[in-house]
C-alpha atoms as a PDB file:
ATOM      1  CA  MET A   1       0.000   0.000   0.000  1.00  0.00           C
ATOM      2  CA  ASN A   2       1.155   3.541  -0.786  1.00  0.00           C
ATOM      3  CA  SER A   3       1.124   6.240   1.878  1.00  0.00           C
ATOM      4  CA  ILE A   4       1.570   9.016  -0.689  1.00  0.00           C
ATOM      5  CA  ASN A   5       0.392   9.185  -4.299  1.00  0.00           C
ATOM      6  CA  VAL A   6       1.167  12.174  -6.488  1.00  0.00           C
ATOM      7  CA  ARG A   7      -0.207  12.351 -10.025  1.00  0.00           C
ATOM      8  CA  HIS A   8       0.770  15.008 -12.567  1.00  0.00           C
ATOM      9  CA  ILE A   9       1.076  17.859 -10.057  1.00  0.00           C
ATOM     10  CA  ASN A  10       1.783  21.307 -11.492  1.00  0.00           C
ATOM     11  CA  LYS A  11       2.217  24.575  -9.593  1.00  0.00           C
ATOM     12  CA  ASN A  12       3.030  28.058 -10.889  1.00  0.00           C
ATOM     13  CA  TYR A  13       3.840  31.254  -9.028  1.00  0.00           C
ATOM     14  CA  GLY A  14       3.023  33.868 -11.623  1.00  0.00           C
ATOM     15  CA  GLY A  15       5.381  33.136 -14.496  1.00  0.00           C
ATOM     16  CA  LEU A  16       7.550  30.793 -12.428  1.00  0.00           C
ATOM     17  CA  LYS A  17       6.885  27.080 -12.921  1.00  0.00           C
ATOM     18  CA  ALA A  18       7.607  25.664  -9.478  1.00  0.00           C
ATOM     19  CA  LEU A  19       6.427  22.098 -10.201  1.00  0.00           C
ATOM     20  CA  ARG A  20       6.121  20.485 -13.631  1.00  0.00           C
ATOM     21  CA  ASP A  21       4.068  17.314 -14.011  1.00  0.00           C
ATOM     22  CA  ILE A  22       5.315  15.641 -10.816  1.00  0.00           C
ATOM     23  CA  SER A  23       4.220  12.034 -10.240  1.00  0.00           C
ATOM     24  CA  LEU A  24       5.492   9.663  -7.561  1.00  0.00           C
ATOM     25  CA  GLU A  25       4.388   6.886  -5.226  1.00  0.00           C
ATOM     26  CA  ILE A  26       5.758   6.401  -1.712  1.00  0.00           C
ATOM     27  CA  ASN A  27       5.239   3.101   0.060  1.00  0.00           C
ATOM     28  CA  THR A  28       3.991   2.768   3.616  1.00  0.00           C
ATOM     29  CA  GLY A  29       6.918   2.611   6.027  1.00  0.00           C
ATOM     30  CA  GLU A  30       9.389   3.926   3.446  1.00  0.00           C
ATOM     31  CA  LEU A  31      12.098   6.513   4.078  1.00  0.00           C
ATOM     32  CA  TYR A  32      11.934   8.509   0.860  1.00  0.00           C
ATOM     33  CA  GLY A  33      14.200  11.403  -0.095  1.00  0.00           C
ATOM     34  CA  LEU A  34      13.698  14.379  -2.393  1.00  0.00           C
ATOM     35  CA  ILE A  35      17.220  15.425  -3.347  1.00  0.00           C
ATOM     36  CA  GLY A  36      17.955  18.686  -5.094  1.00  0.00           C
ATOM     37  CA  PRO A  37      19.296  22.237  -4.795  1.00  0.00           C
ATOM     38  CA  ASP A  38      17.388  25.277  -3.572  1.00  0.00           C
ATOM     39  CA  GLY A  39      14.651  26.196  -6.033  1.00  0.00           C
ATOM     40  CA  ALA A  40      14.097  22.595  -7.157  1.00  0.00           C
ATOM     41  CA  GLY A  41      10.462  22.634  -5.957  1.00  0.00           C
ATOM     42  CA  LYS A  42      10.838  20.442  -2.862  1.00  0.00           C
ATOM     43  CA  THR A  43       9.164  22.852  -0.420  1.00  0.00           C
ATOM     44  CA  THR A  44       6.281  23.560  -2.804  1.00  0.00           C
ATOM     45  CA  LEU A  45       5.553  19.836  -3.091  1.00  0.00           C
ATOM     46  CA  PHE A  46       5.692  19.471   0.701  1.00  0.00           C
ATOM     47  CA  ARG A  47       3.231  22.323   1.170  1.00  0.00           C
ATOM     48  CA  ILE A  48       0.796  20.762  -1.300  1.00  0.00           C
ATOM     49  CA  LEU A  49       0.996  17.360   0.410  1.00  0.00           C
ATOM     50  CA  THR A  50       0.492  18.875   3.874  1.00  0.00           C
ATOM     51  CA  THR A  51      -2.591  20.791   2.565  1.00  0.00           C
ATOM     52  CA  LEU A  52      -1.090  24.254   3.055  1.00  0.00           C
ATOM     53  CA  ILE A  53      -1.448  25.257  -0.622  1.00  0.00           C
ATOM     54  CA  LEU A  54      -3.323  23.873  -3.626  1.00  0.00           C
ATOM     55  CA  ALA A  55      -1.794  22.577  -6.839  1.00  0.00           C
ATOM     56  CA  ASP A  56      -2.836  24.228 -10.100  1.00  0.00           C
ATOM     57  CA  LYS A  57      -3.226  20.862 -11.818  1.00  0.00           C
ATOM     58  CA  GLY A  58      -3.037  17.217 -10.834  1.00  0.00           C
ATOM     59  CA  ASP A  59      -4.045  15.439  -7.655  1.00  0.00           C
ATOM     60  CA  ALA A  60      -2.465  13.794  -4.627  1.00  0.00           C
ATOM     61  CA  THR A  61      -3.479  11.571  -1.732  1.00  0.00           C
ATOM     62  CA  VAL A  62      -1.962  10.970   1.697  1.00  0.00           C
ATOM     63  CA  CYS A  63      -2.985   7.649   3.292  1.00  0.00           C
ATOM     64  CA  GLY A  64      -5.757   7.407   0.727  1.00  0.00           C
ATOM     65  CA  MET A  65      -7.176  10.865   1.509  1.00  0.00           C
ATOM     66  CA  ASP A  66      -7.397  13.621  -1.075  1.00  0.00           C
ATOM     67  CA  VAL A  67      -5.319  16.715  -0.305  1.00  0.00           C
ATOM     68  CA  ARG A  68      -8.113  18.989  -1.566  1.00  0.00           C
ATOM     69  CA  LYS A  69     -11.211  17.354  -0.079  1.00  0.00           C
ATOM     70  CA  ASP A  70      -9.840  15.722   3.088  1.00  0.00           C
ATOM     71  CA  TRP A  71      -7.471  18.399   4.339  1.00  0.00           C
ATOM     72  CA  ARG A  72      -8.839  18.385   7.889  1.00  0.00           C
ATOM     73  CA  GLU A  73      -8.323  14.646   8.255  1.00  0.00           C
ATOM     74  CA  ILE A  74      -4.868  14.753   6.680  1.00  0.00           C
ATOM     75  CA  ARG A  75      -3.682  17.398   9.135  1.00  0.00           C
ATOM     76  CA  GLN A  76      -4.532  15.049  11.994  1.00  0.00           C
ATOM     77  CA  ILE A  77      -2.393  12.174  10.721  1.00  0.00           C
ATOM     78  CA  VAL A  78       0.745  13.920   9.417  1.00  0.00           C
ATOM     79  CA  GLY A  79       3.680  15.536  11.137  1.00  0.00           C
ATOM     80  CA  TYR A  80       5.384  18.449   9.382  1.00  0.00           C
ATOM     81  CA  MET A  81       8.764  19.984  10.119  1.00  0.00           C
ATOM     82  CA  PRO A  82       9.175  22.956   7.757  1.00  0.00           C
ATOM     83  CA  GLY A  83      12.519  24.148   6.495  1.00  0.00           C
ATOM     84  CA  ARG A  84      12.270  27.359   8.452  1.00  0.00           C
ATOM     85  CA  PHE A  85      12.225  26.888  12.234  1.00  0.00           C
ATOM     86  CA  SER A  86       8.663  27.665  13.269  1.00  0.00           C
ATOM     87  CA  LEU A  87       8.307  26.909  16.975  1.00  0.00           C
ATOM     88  CA  TYR A  88       7.561  29.575  19.576  1.00  0.00           C
ATOM     89  CA  GLN A  89      10.805  31.308  20.506  1.00  0.00           C
ATOM     90  CA  ASP A  90       9.449  32.808  23.749  1.00  0.00           C
ATOM     91  CA  LEU A  91       8.286  29.457  25.098  1.00  0.00           C
ATOM     92  CA  SER A  92      10.524  26.860  26.687  1.00  0.00           C
ATOM     93  CA  ILE A  93      11.238  23.397  25.295  1.00  0.00           C
ATOM     94  CA  GLU A  94       8.719  21.929  27.700  1.00  0.00           C
ATOM     95  CA  GLU A  95       6.024  24.499  26.911  1.00  0.00           C
ATOM     96  CA  ASN A  96       6.355  24.061  23.135  1.00  0.00           C
ATOM     97  CA  LEU A  97       5.998  20.304  23.420  1.00  0.00           C
ATOM     98  CA  GLN A  98       2.974  20.559  25.704  1.00  0.00           C
ATOM     99  CA  PHE A  99       1.357  23.101  23.377  1.00  0.00           C
ATOM    100  CA  PHE A 100       1.611  20.860  20.307  1.00  0.00           C
ATOM    101  CA  ALA A 101       0.375  17.841  22.244  1.00  0.00           C
ATOM    102  CA  THR A 102      -2.671  19.867  23.302  1.00  0.00           C
ATOM    103  CA  VAL A 103      -3.350  21.035  19.733  1.00  0.00           C
ATOM    104  CA  PHE A 104      -3.570  17.381  18.656  1.00  0.00           C
ATOM    105  CA  LYS A 105      -5.667  16.451  21.705  1.00  0.00           C
ATOM    106  CA  THR A 106      -3.058  14.152  23.200  1.00  0.00           C
ATOM    107  CA  THR A 107      -0.446  14.352  25.955  1.00  0.00           C
ATOM    108  CA  VAL A 108       3.311  14.142  26.070  1.00  0.00           C
ATOM    109  CA  GLN A 109       3.029  11.102  28.327  1.00  0.00           C
ATOM    110  CA  GLU A 110       0.753   9.197  25.927  1.00  0.00           C
ATOM    111  CA  ASN A 111       3.287   9.150  23.083  1.00  0.00           C
ATOM    112  CA  TYR A 112       6.494   9.674  25.041  1.00  0.00           C
ATOM    113  CA  ASP A 113       7.888   6.313  23.905  1.00  0.00           C
ATOM    114  CA  LEU A 114       8.054   7.629  20.328  1.00  0.00           C
ATOM    115  CA  ILE A 115      10.119  10.714  21.193  1.00  0.00           C
ATOM    116  CA  HIS A 116      12.062   9.358  24.169  1.00  0.00           C
ATOM    117  CA  ASP A 117      15.371   8.791  22.351  1.00  0.00           C
ATOM    118  CA  ILE A 118      15.266  12.344  20.991  1.00  0.00           C
ATOM    119  CA  TYR A 119      13.847  14.167  23.990  1.00  0.00           C
ATOM    120  CA  VAL A 120      16.335  12.789  26.520  1.00  0.00           C
ATOM    121  CA  GLN A 121      19.060  14.700  24.641  1.00  0.00           C
ATOM    122  CA  ILE A 122      17.353  18.054  25.265  1.00  0.00           C
ATOM    123  CA  GLU A 123      15.469  17.270  28.487  1.00  0.00           C
ATOM    124  CA  PRO A 124      18.187  18.801  30.736  1.00  0.00           C
ATOM    125  CA  PHE A 125      17.290  22.150  29.117  1.00  0.00           C
ATOM    126  CA  ALA A 126      13.501  21.707  29.309  1.00  0.00           C
ATOM    127  CA  LYS A 127      12.996  25.064  31.037  1.00  0.00           C
ATOM    128  CA  ARG A 128      15.189  26.997  28.611  1.00  0.00           C
ATOM    129  CA  ARG A 129      13.564  29.353  26.112  1.00  0.00           C
ATOM    130  CA  VAL A 130      13.756  28.134  22.542  1.00  0.00           C
ATOM    131  CA  SER A 131      15.434  31.377  21.438  1.00  0.00           C
ATOM    132  CA  LYS A 132      18.458  30.369  23.540  1.00  0.00           C
ATOM    133  CA  LEU A 133      18.913  26.920  21.983  1.00  0.00           C
ATOM    134  CA  SER A 134      21.580  25.835  19.516  1.00  0.00           C
ATOM    135  CA  GLY A 135      20.633  24.838  15.972  1.00  0.00           C
ATOM    136  CA  GLY A 136      20.932  21.126  16.721  1.00  0.00           C
ATOM    137  CA  MET A 137      18.749  21.387  19.836  1.00  0.00           C
ATOM    138  CA  LYS A 138      16.087  23.357  17.941  1.00  0.00           C
ATOM    139  CA  GLN A 139      16.088  20.655  15.284  1.00  0.00           C
ATOM    140  CA  LYS A 140      15.524  17.906  17.844  1.00  0.00           C
ATOM    141  CA  LEU A 141      12.718  19.852  19.537  1.00  0.00           C
ATOM    142  CA  ALA A 142      10.996  20.510  16.206  1.00  0.00           C
ATOM    143  CA  LEU A 143      11.121  16.792  15.439  1.00  0.00           C
ATOM    144  CA  CYS A 144       9.624  15.962  18.859  1.00  0.00           C
ATOM    145  CA  CYS A 145       6.767  18.398  18.224  1.00  0.00           C
ATOM    146  CA  ALA A 146       6.129  16.881  14.775  1.00  0.00           C
ATOM    147  CA  LEU A 147       5.955  13.390  16.306  1.00  0.00           C
ATOM    148  CA  ILE A 148       4.054  14.047  19.527  1.00  0.00           C
ATOM    149  CA  HIS A 149       0.686  12.959  18.085  1.00  0.00           C
ATOM    150  CA  ARG A 150       2.168   9.775  16.534  1.00  0.00           C
ATOM    151  CA  PRO A 151       1.599  10.680  12.862  1.00  0.00           C
ATOM    152  CA  ARG A 152       1.255   8.081  10.138  1.00  0.00           C
ATOM    153  CA  VAL A 153       3.354  10.164   7.732  1.00  0.00           C
ATOM    154  CA  LEU A 154       6.220  12.505   8.644  1.00  0.00           C
ATOM    155  CA  PHE A 155       7.244  15.362   6.326  1.00  0.00           C
ATOM    156  CA  LEU A 156      10.712  16.828   6.953  1.00  0.00           C
ATOM    157  CA  ASP A 157      11.690  19.763   4.748  1.00  0.00           C
ATOM    158  CA  GLU A 158      15.495  20.157   4.719  1.00  0.00           C
ATOM    159  CA  PRO A 159      15.789  19.270   8.422  1.00  0.00           C
ATOM    160  CA  THR A 160      19.613  19.203   8.457  1.00  0.00           C
ATOM    161  CA  THR A 161      20.291  22.478   6.641  1.00  0.00           C
ATOM    162  CA  GLY A 162      22.625  24.666   8.677  1.00  0.00           C
ATOM    163  CA  VAL A 163      23.349  21.893  11.185  1.00  0.00           C
ATOM    164  CA  ASP A 164      26.872  20.660  11.986  1.00  0.00           C
ATOM    165  CA  PRO A 165      28.008  17.311  10.484  1.00  0.00           C
ATOM    166  CA  VAL A 166      27.832  15.424  13.787  1.00  0.00           C
ATOM    167  CA  SER A 167      24.241  16.561  14.408  1.00  0.00           C
ATOM    168  CA  ARG A 168      23.352  15.680  10.815  1.00  0.00           C
ATOM    169  CA  LYS A 169      24.508  12.090  11.318  1.00  0.00           C
ATOM    170  CA  GLU A 170      22.684  11.856  14.668  1.00  0.00           C
ATOM    171  CA  PHE A 171      19.502  13.116  12.997  1.00  0.00           C
ATOM    172  CA  TRP A 172      19.593  10.437  10.290  1.00  0.00           C
ATOM    173  CA  ASP A 173      20.204   7.776  12.930  1.00  0.00           C
ATOM    174  CA  ILE A 174      17.046   9.047  14.660  1.00  0.00           C
ATOM    175  CA  LEU A 175      15.093   8.784  11.391  1.00  0.00           C
ATOM    176  CA  ASP A 176      16.088   5.122  11.087  1.00  0.00           C
ATOM    177  CA  ARG A 177      14.591   4.477  14.531  1.00  0.00           C
ATOM    178  CA  ILE A 178      11.396   6.378  13.655  1.00  0.00           C
ATOM    179  CA  LYS A 179      11.043   4.360  10.447  1.00  0.00           C
ATOM    180  CA  ALA A 180      11.278   1.177  12.530  1.00  0.00           C
ATOM    181  CA  GLN A 181       8.060   2.318  14.265  1.00  0.00           C
ATOM    182  CA  GLY A 182       6.236   1.973  10.909  1.00  0.00           C
ATOM    183  CA  ILE A 183       6.008   5.697  10.177  1.00  0.00           C
ATOM    184  CA  THR A 184       6.383   6.756   6.542  1.00  0.00           C
ATOM    185  CA  ILE A 185       8.985   9.510   6.159  1.00  0.00           C
ATOM    186  CA  LEU A 186       9.346  11.960   3.271  1.00  0.00           C
ATOM    187  CA  VAL A 187      12.477  14.059   3.716  1.00  0.00           C
ATOM    188  CA  SER A 188      14.046  16.675   1.466  1.00  0.00           C
ATOM    189  CA  THR A 189      17.683  17.735   1.471  1.00  0.00           C
ATOM    190  CA  PRO A 190      20.139  19.653  -0.700  1.00  0.00           C
ATOM    191  CA  TYR A 191      22.953  17.434   0.630  1.00  0.00           C
ATOM    192  CA  MET A 192      23.601  14.735  -1.947  1.00  0.00           C
ATOM    193  CA  ASP A 193      25.619  12.631   0.514  1.00  0.00           C
ATOM    194  CA  GLU A 194      22.486  12.082   2.628  1.00  0.00           C
ATOM    195  CA  ALA A 195      20.755  10.245  -0.228  1.00  0.00           C
ATOM    196  CA  SER A 196      22.348   6.931   0.731  1.00  0.00           C
ATOM    197  CA  ARG A 197      20.369   6.929   4.000  1.00  0.00           C
ATOM    198  CA  CYS A 198      17.056   6.717   2.085  1.00  0.00           C
ATOM    199  CA  ASP A 199      15.247   3.624   0.767  1.00  0.00           C
ATOM    200  CA  ARG A 200      14.466   5.439  -2.479  1.00  0.00           C
ATOM    201  CA  ILE A 201      15.089   8.940  -3.778  1.00  0.00           C
ATOM    202  CA  SER A 202      13.929  11.340  -6.459  1.00  0.00           C
ATOM    203  CA  LEU A 203      16.457  13.760  -7.902  1.00  0.00           C
ATOM    204  CA  MET A 204      14.810  17.150  -8.522  1.00  0.00           C
ATOM    205  CA  ARG A 205      15.802  20.251 -10.466  1.00  0.00           C
ATOM    206  CA  GLY A 206      13.777  23.202 -11.699  1.00  0.00           C
ATOM    207  CA  GLY A 207      10.463  21.713 -10.612  1.00  0.00           C
ATOM    208  CA  GLU A 208      11.035  18.413 -12.418  1.00  0.00           C
ATOM    209  CA  LEU A 209      11.985  14.887 -11.377  1.00  0.00           C
ATOM    210  CA  LEU A 210      15.191  13.836 -13.114  1.00  0.00           C
ATOM    211  CA  GLN A 211      15.294  10.264 -11.805  1.00  0.00           C
ATOM    212  CA  THR A 212      13.596   8.052  -9.212  1.00  0.00           C
ATOM    213  CA  ASP A 213      15.114   4.836  -7.856  1.00  0.00           C
ATOM    214  CA  THR A 214      17.145   3.445  -4.986  1.00  0.00           C
ATOM    215  CA  PRO A 215      20.442   5.299  -4.425  1.00  0.00           C
ATOM    216  CA  GLN A 216      22.334   2.107  -5.265  1.00  0.00           C
ATOM    217  CA  ASN A 217      20.520   1.613  -8.593  1.00  0.00           C
ATOM    218  CA  ILE A 218      21.066   5.236  -9.591  1.00  0.00           C
ATOM    219  CA  GLN A 219      24.790   4.908  -8.921  1.00  0.00           C
ATOM    220  CA  ALA A 220      25.001   1.560 -10.728  1.00  0.00           C
ATOM    221  CA  ALA A 221      23.316   3.060 -13.815  1.00  0.00           C
ATOM    222  CA  PHE A 222      25.940   5.803 -14.205  1.00  0.00           C
ATOM    223  CA  PRO A 223      26.838   5.440 -17.902  1.00  0.00           C
ATOM    224  CA  TYR A 224      30.593   6.149 -17.754  1.00  0.00           C
ATOM    225  CA  GLN A 225      33.756   4.997 -16.033  1.00  0.00           C
ATOM    226  CA  LEU A 226      34.553   7.648 -13.454  1.00  0.00           C
ATOM    227  CA  TRP A 227      38.144   8.390 -12.434  1.00  0.00           C
ATOM    228  CA  ALA A 228      39.482  10.143  -9.337  1.00  0.00           C
ATOM    229  CA  VAL A 229      42.522  12.330  -9.982  1.00  0.00           C
ATOM    230  CA  ARG A 230      45.012  13.671  -7.423  1.00  0.00           C
ATOM    231  CA  GLY A 231      48.281  15.491  -7.826  1.00  0.00           C
ATOM    232  CA  GLU A 232      50.239  18.626  -7.074  1.00  0.00           C
ATOM    233  CA  ASN A 233      48.883  22.017  -8.123  1.00  0.00           C
ATOM    234  CA  MET A 234      45.284  20.830  -8.306  1.00  0.00           C
ATOM    235  CA  TYR A 235      44.019  24.034  -9.921  1.00  0.00           C
ATOM    236  CA  GLY A 236      46.551  23.835 -12.752  1.00  0.00           C
ATOM    237  CA  LEU A 237      45.904  20.104 -13.070  1.00  0.00           C
ATOM    238  CA  LEU A 238      42.185  20.715 -13.561  1.00  0.00           C
ATOM    239  CA  ARG A 239      42.833  23.359 -16.185  1.00  0.00           C
ATOM    240  CA  ASP A 240      45.253  21.174 -18.148  1.00  0.00           C
ATOM    241  CA  ILE A 241      43.081  18.033 -18.003  1.00  0.00           C
ATOM    242  CA  ARG A 242      40.242  20.037 -19.496  1.00  0.00           C
ATOM    243  CA  THR A 243      42.437  20.884 -22.501  1.00  0.00           C
ATOM    244  CA  TYR A 244      43.201  17.215 -23.135  1.00  0.00           C
ATOM    245  CA  GLU A 245      41.428  16.099 -26.323  1.00  0.00           C
ATOM    246  CA  ASP A 246      40.066  12.861 -24.851  1.00  0.00           C
ATOM    247  CA  THR A 247      38.462  14.550 -21.821  1.00  0.00           C
ATOM    248  CA  TYR A 248      34.669  14.333 -21.722  1.00  0.00           C
ATOM    249  CA  SER A 249      34.337  16.191 -18.411  1.00  0.00           C
ATOM    250  CA  CYS A 250      36.444  17.044 -15.374  1.00  0.00           C
ATOM    251  CA  TYR A 251      35.427  18.940 -12.255  1.00  0.00           C
ATOM    252  CA  ALA A 252      36.723  19.571  -8.752  1.00  0.00           C
ATOM    253  CA  PHE A 253      35.188  17.404  -6.037  1.00  0.00           C
ATOM    254  CA  GLY A 254      36.579  17.824  -2.521  1.00  0.00           C
ATOM    255  CA  ASP A 255      40.282  16.939  -2.544  1.00  0.00           C
ATOM    256  CA  THR A 256      40.104  15.205  -5.950  1.00  0.00           C
ATOM    257  CA  HIS A 257      39.018  15.886  -9.507  1.00  0.00           C
ATOM    258  CA  HIS A 258      36.338  13.643 -11.005  1.00  0.00           C
ATOM    259  CA  LEU A 259      37.164  12.749 -14.589  1.00  0.00           C
ATOM    260  CA  ILE A 260      35.295  11.098 -17.470  1.00  0.00           C
ATOM    261  CA  LEU A 261      37.266  10.174 -20.593  1.00  0.00           C
ATOM    262  CA  LYS A 262      35.903   9.600 -24.061  1.00  0.00           C
ATOM    263  CA  ASN A 263      38.164   6.529 -24.196  1.00  0.00           C
ATOM    264  CA  GLU A 264      36.927   5.186 -20.879  1.00  0.00           C
ATOM    265  CA  THR A 265      39.454   2.430 -20.149  1.00  0.00           C
ATOM    266  CA  ASP A 266      42.863   3.965 -20.854  1.00  0.00           C
ATOM    267  CA  THR A 267      44.558   6.632 -18.740  1.00  0.00           C
ATOM    268  CA  SER A 268      48.121   6.042 -19.937  1.00  0.00           C
ATOM    269  CA  ALA A 269      47.922   8.630 -22.713  1.00  0.00           C
ATOM    270  CA  LEU A 270      46.557  11.200 -20.264  1.00  0.00           C
ATOM    271  CA  LEU A 271      49.384  10.500 -17.791  1.00  0.00           C
ATOM    272  CA  ALA A 272      51.916  10.975 -20.591  1.00  0.00           C
ATOM    273  CA  PHE A 273      50.150  14.211 -21.598  1.00  0.00           C
ATOM    274  CA  LEU A 274      50.357  15.521 -18.032  1.00  0.00           C
ATOM    275  CA  GLU A 275      53.978  14.439 -17.589  1.00  0.00           C
ATOM    276  CA  LYS A 276      54.961  16.602 -20.563  1.00  0.00           C
ATOM    277  CA  ARG A 277      53.379  19.531 -18.726  1.00  0.00           C
ATOM    278  CA  GLY A 278      55.440  18.971 -15.605  1.00  0.00           C
ATOM    279  CA  TYR A 279      53.130  16.821 -13.466  1.00  0.00           C
ATOM    280  CA  ALA A 280      55.395  14.080 -12.116  1.00  0.00           C
ATOM    281  CA  SER A 281      53.178  12.324  -9.562  1.00  0.00           C
ATOM    282  CA  VAL A 282      49.566  12.207 -10.698  1.00  0.00           C
ATOM    283  CA  ASP A 283      47.338   9.462  -9.281  1.00  0.00           C
ATOM    284  CA  ILE A 284      44.394   8.362 -11.430  1.00  0.00           C
ATOM    285  CA  HIS A 285      42.214   5.484 -10.233  1.00  0.00           C
ATOM    286  CA  PRO A 286      38.660   4.260 -10.932  1.00  0.00           C
ATOM    287  CA  MET A 287      35.945   5.168  -8.448  1.00  0.00           C
ATOM    288  CA  THR A 288      32.253   4.569  -7.767  1.00  0.00           C
ATOM    289  CA  PRO A 289      30.153   7.613  -8.736  1.00  0.00           C
ATOM    290  CA  THR A 290      28.427   9.510  -5.958  1.00  0.00           C
ATOM    291  CA  ILE A 291      24.812  10.644  -6.114  1.00  0.00           C
ATOM    292  CA  GLU A 292      26.129  14.129  -6.863  1.00  0.00           C
ATOM    293  CA  ASP A 293      28.025  12.804  -9.903  1.00  0.00           C
ATOM    294  CA  CYS A 294      24.801  11.144 -11.076  1.00  0.00           C
ATOM    295  CA  PHE A 295      22.781  14.312 -10.493  1.00  0.00           C
ATOM    296  CA  MET A 296      25.237  16.380 -12.542  1.00  0.00           C
ATOM    297  CA  GLU A 297      25.084  13.879 -15.391  1.00  0.00           C
ATOM    298  CA  PHE A 298      21.259  13.764 -15.365  1.00  0.00           C
ATOM    299  CA  GLU A 299      21.217  17.551 -15.344  1.00  0.00           C
ATOM    300  CA  LYS A 300      23.564  17.669 -18.317  1.00  0.00           C
ATOM    301  CA  GLU A 301      21.440  15.170 -20.262  1.00  0.00           C
ATOM    302  CA  ASP A 302      18.271  17.105 -19.414  1.00  0.00           C
ATOM    303  CA  LYS A 303      19.717  20.284 -20.892  1.00  0.00           C
END
């Protein structure tokens, strides 16, 4: 059974096409990721599915309920953590959590088992005003408030943006535990490296879906041999590799350059080419493409 069905959704803001014929199906209990840069349309899709705005065309259901007709019922069974922190800054951690429990006609005690692993990390600061919390603590509180009524579907819009790497990893570990409770999770992120934590993903750009599959299948379908290149004077190395006649593409990626050759299996000619230009110790070895490599290739093909 699908928790979320989206069929041919379109949304425009004036002359801007925010979503273009979006269709997807998300299974019950799945951890599903929308991966793409700012402006890809992720937040607009979230707001349609949480009944905050209406699509111009197309239709969608959440747990079998129509987002247009059944918006009251949907709001009772979903949890939503928007990209912009939206809890009450003048209230304490404890007061915010109690407020949201009351809104959903439940109590903190009734569903405490669901948030226990998260809440114990911020409980020592329960009396502290939210405005005085760190980014990671605000994130954990927002997640507690989104879960306090035990939703069937959890929507998380870029929950790790602006959070330190350690807190990002902790957050994804928490999502794995929430998924184990049978809750369907739809999460968006601009961080391509987080895609591997999802069961399935959709790559988005400019309001369109570029590809939908498991992260592993997307990586396995990369159509070229990818090479990692390291050496001295990385900037000059990048510039010279790009002038090599057999180079299909080459771009900086962390502490390496990612290279695709037209002649995919032979790097000896390239090494000889670089040696003539004064590069004595260049390391070129095959590598598995990342989701970001795949995204860039899909984007190139789309253009």
